C-alpha cells in the first residue's frame, strides 16, 4: 500500500504561485517559471493566473508582447505577508493549510 499523498489546498497553490513571482523581483515571473515552481498543469496555471489577476493580487506585464510576465501588486504582497502569519499560527496548532 502506498503512502497517502498530501494534497495542497487552493490557498497553498495560490501562495506558491505568488511566492514564485515575488522571488523574481521587479522583472516578474513568466508562466513557465510559475508552472514549474508551483508544480501545476498548464490548464490549472491559466485558471489560477486569471483568478489572481481578477482579485488584483498580480498584474500581467507587457500584455501586447508574447513574453508575458507577472508581478505582484501591493495587495498581493500584503496577502503573502498575512498568509505567512496564518501559516505560522496554524502550524503552532499542528494544522496544515
Protein backbone atom coordinates (compact mmCIF):
# COMPACT_ATOMS: atom_id res chain seq x y z
CA UNK A 1 0.00 0.00 0.00
CA UNK A 2 1.43 3.37 -0.99
CA UNK A 3 1.66 6.23 1.49
CA UNK A 4 -1.20 8.71 1.44
CA UNK A 5 -0.48 11.57 -0.92
CA UNK A 6 -0.84 15.00 0.63
CA UNK A 7 -2.91 17.39 -1.46
CA UNK A 8 -2.33 21.12 -1.41
CA UNK A 9 -5.19 23.44 -0.67
CA UNK A 10 -6.14 26.07 -3.22
CA UNK A 11 -4.84 28.83 -0.97
CA UNK A 12 -1.49 27.00 -0.70
CA UNK A 13 -1.26 26.71 -4.50
CA UNK A 14 -2.06 30.40 -4.98
CA UNK A 15 0.50 31.33 -2.31
CA UNK A 16 3.12 29.11 -4.01
CA UNK A 17 2.48 30.87 -7.31
CA UNK A 18 2.69 34.30 -5.73
CA UNK A 19 5.85 33.35 -3.82
CA UNK A 20 7.50 32.38 -7.11
CA UNK A 21 6.52 35.73 -8.64
CA UNK A 22 7.81 37.60 -5.59
CA UNK A 23 11.16 35.80 -5.73
CA UNK A 24 11.69 37.01 -9.30
CA UNK A 25 11.51 40.64 -8.15
CA UNK A 26 10.69 43.62 -10.34
CA UNK A 27 11.27 41.70 -13.58
CA UNK A 28 8.37 39.42 -12.69
CA UNK A 29 7.99 35.73 -13.46
CA UNK A 30 6.95 34.13 -16.71
CA UNK A 31 4.30 31.42 -16.96
CA UNK A 32 6.82 28.59 -17.39
CA UNK A 33 8.72 29.59 -14.26
CA UNK A 34 5.47 29.76 -12.26
CA UNK A 35 4.24 26.46 -13.73
CA UNK A 36 7.35 24.55 -12.64
CA UNK A 37 7.77 26.33 -9.32
CA UNK A 38 4.16 25.74 -8.25
CA UNK A 39 4.03 22.25 -9.85
CA UNK A 40 0.85 22.84 -11.86
CA UNK A 41 -0.65 21.70 -15.13
CA UNK A 42 -0.95 24.34 -17.85
CA UNK A 43 -4.75 24.42 -17.59
CA UNK A 44 -4.72 24.93 -13.86
CA UNK A 45 -1.95 27.55 -14.15
CA UNK A 46 -4.03 29.55 -16.64
CA UNK A 47 -7.12 29.32 -14.43
CA UNK A 48 -5.27 30.46 -11.30
CA UNK A 49 -3.39 33.27 -13.08
CA UNK A 50 -6.73 34.66 -14.29
CA UNK A 51 -8.13 34.45 -10.77
CA UNK A 52 -5.12 36.22 -9.24
CA UNK A 53 -5.41 38.99 -11.84
CA UNK A 54 -9.17 39.38 -11.23
CA UNK A 55 -8.55 39.69 -7.49
CA UNK A 56 -5.83 42.32 -8.15
CA UNK A 57 -3.15 40.20 -6.45
CA UNK A 58 -0.91 40.08 -9.54
CA UNK A 59 -0.63 42.11 -12.71
CA UNK A 60 0.36 40.95 -16.20
CA UNK A 61 3.19 42.97 -17.69
CA UNK A 62 3.70 43.58 -21.43
CA UNK A 63 0.20 42.49 -22.37
CA UNK A 64 0.88 43.03 -26.08
CA UNK A 65 4.08 41.01 -26.05
CA UNK A 66 4.34 37.25 -26.46
CA UNK A 67 6.67 37.27 -23.43
CA UNK A 68 4.11 37.51 -20.65
CA UNK A 69 5.41 38.17 -17.17
CA UNK A 70 3.56 38.65 -13.92
CA UNK A 71 4.33 40.84 -10.90
CA UNK A 72 2.75 41.11 -7.50
CA UNK A 73 0.61 44.11 -6.72
CA UNK A 74 0.76 45.80 -3.32
CA UNK A 75 -2.37 43.83 -2.42
CA UNK A 76 -0.53 40.65 -3.45
CA UNK A 77 2.44 41.49 -1.21
CA UNK A 78 0.02 42.14 1.67
CA UNK A 79 -1.64 38.78 1.01
CA UNK A 80 1.69 36.93 1.22
CA UNK A 81 2.61 38.67 4.49
CA UNK A 82 -0.74 37.75 6.04
CA UNK A 83 -0.57 34.22 4.64
CA UNK A 84 2.82 33.71 6.34
CA UNK A 85 1.30 34.82 9.67
CA UNK A 86 -1.67 32.49 9.19
CA UNK A 87 0.67 29.62 8.29
CA UNK A 88 2.78 30.12 11.45
CA UNK A 89 -0.37 30.31 13.57
CA UNK A 90 -1.89 27.14 12.13
CA UNK A 91 1.41 25.23 12.39
CA UNK A 92 1.55 26.11 16.11
CA UNK A 93 -1.61 24.01 16.49
CA UNK A 94 -0.47 21.24 14.15
CA UNK A 95 -2.86 22.19 11.34
CA UNK A 96 -1.67 22.35 7.73
CA UNK A 97 -3.17 24.84 5.33
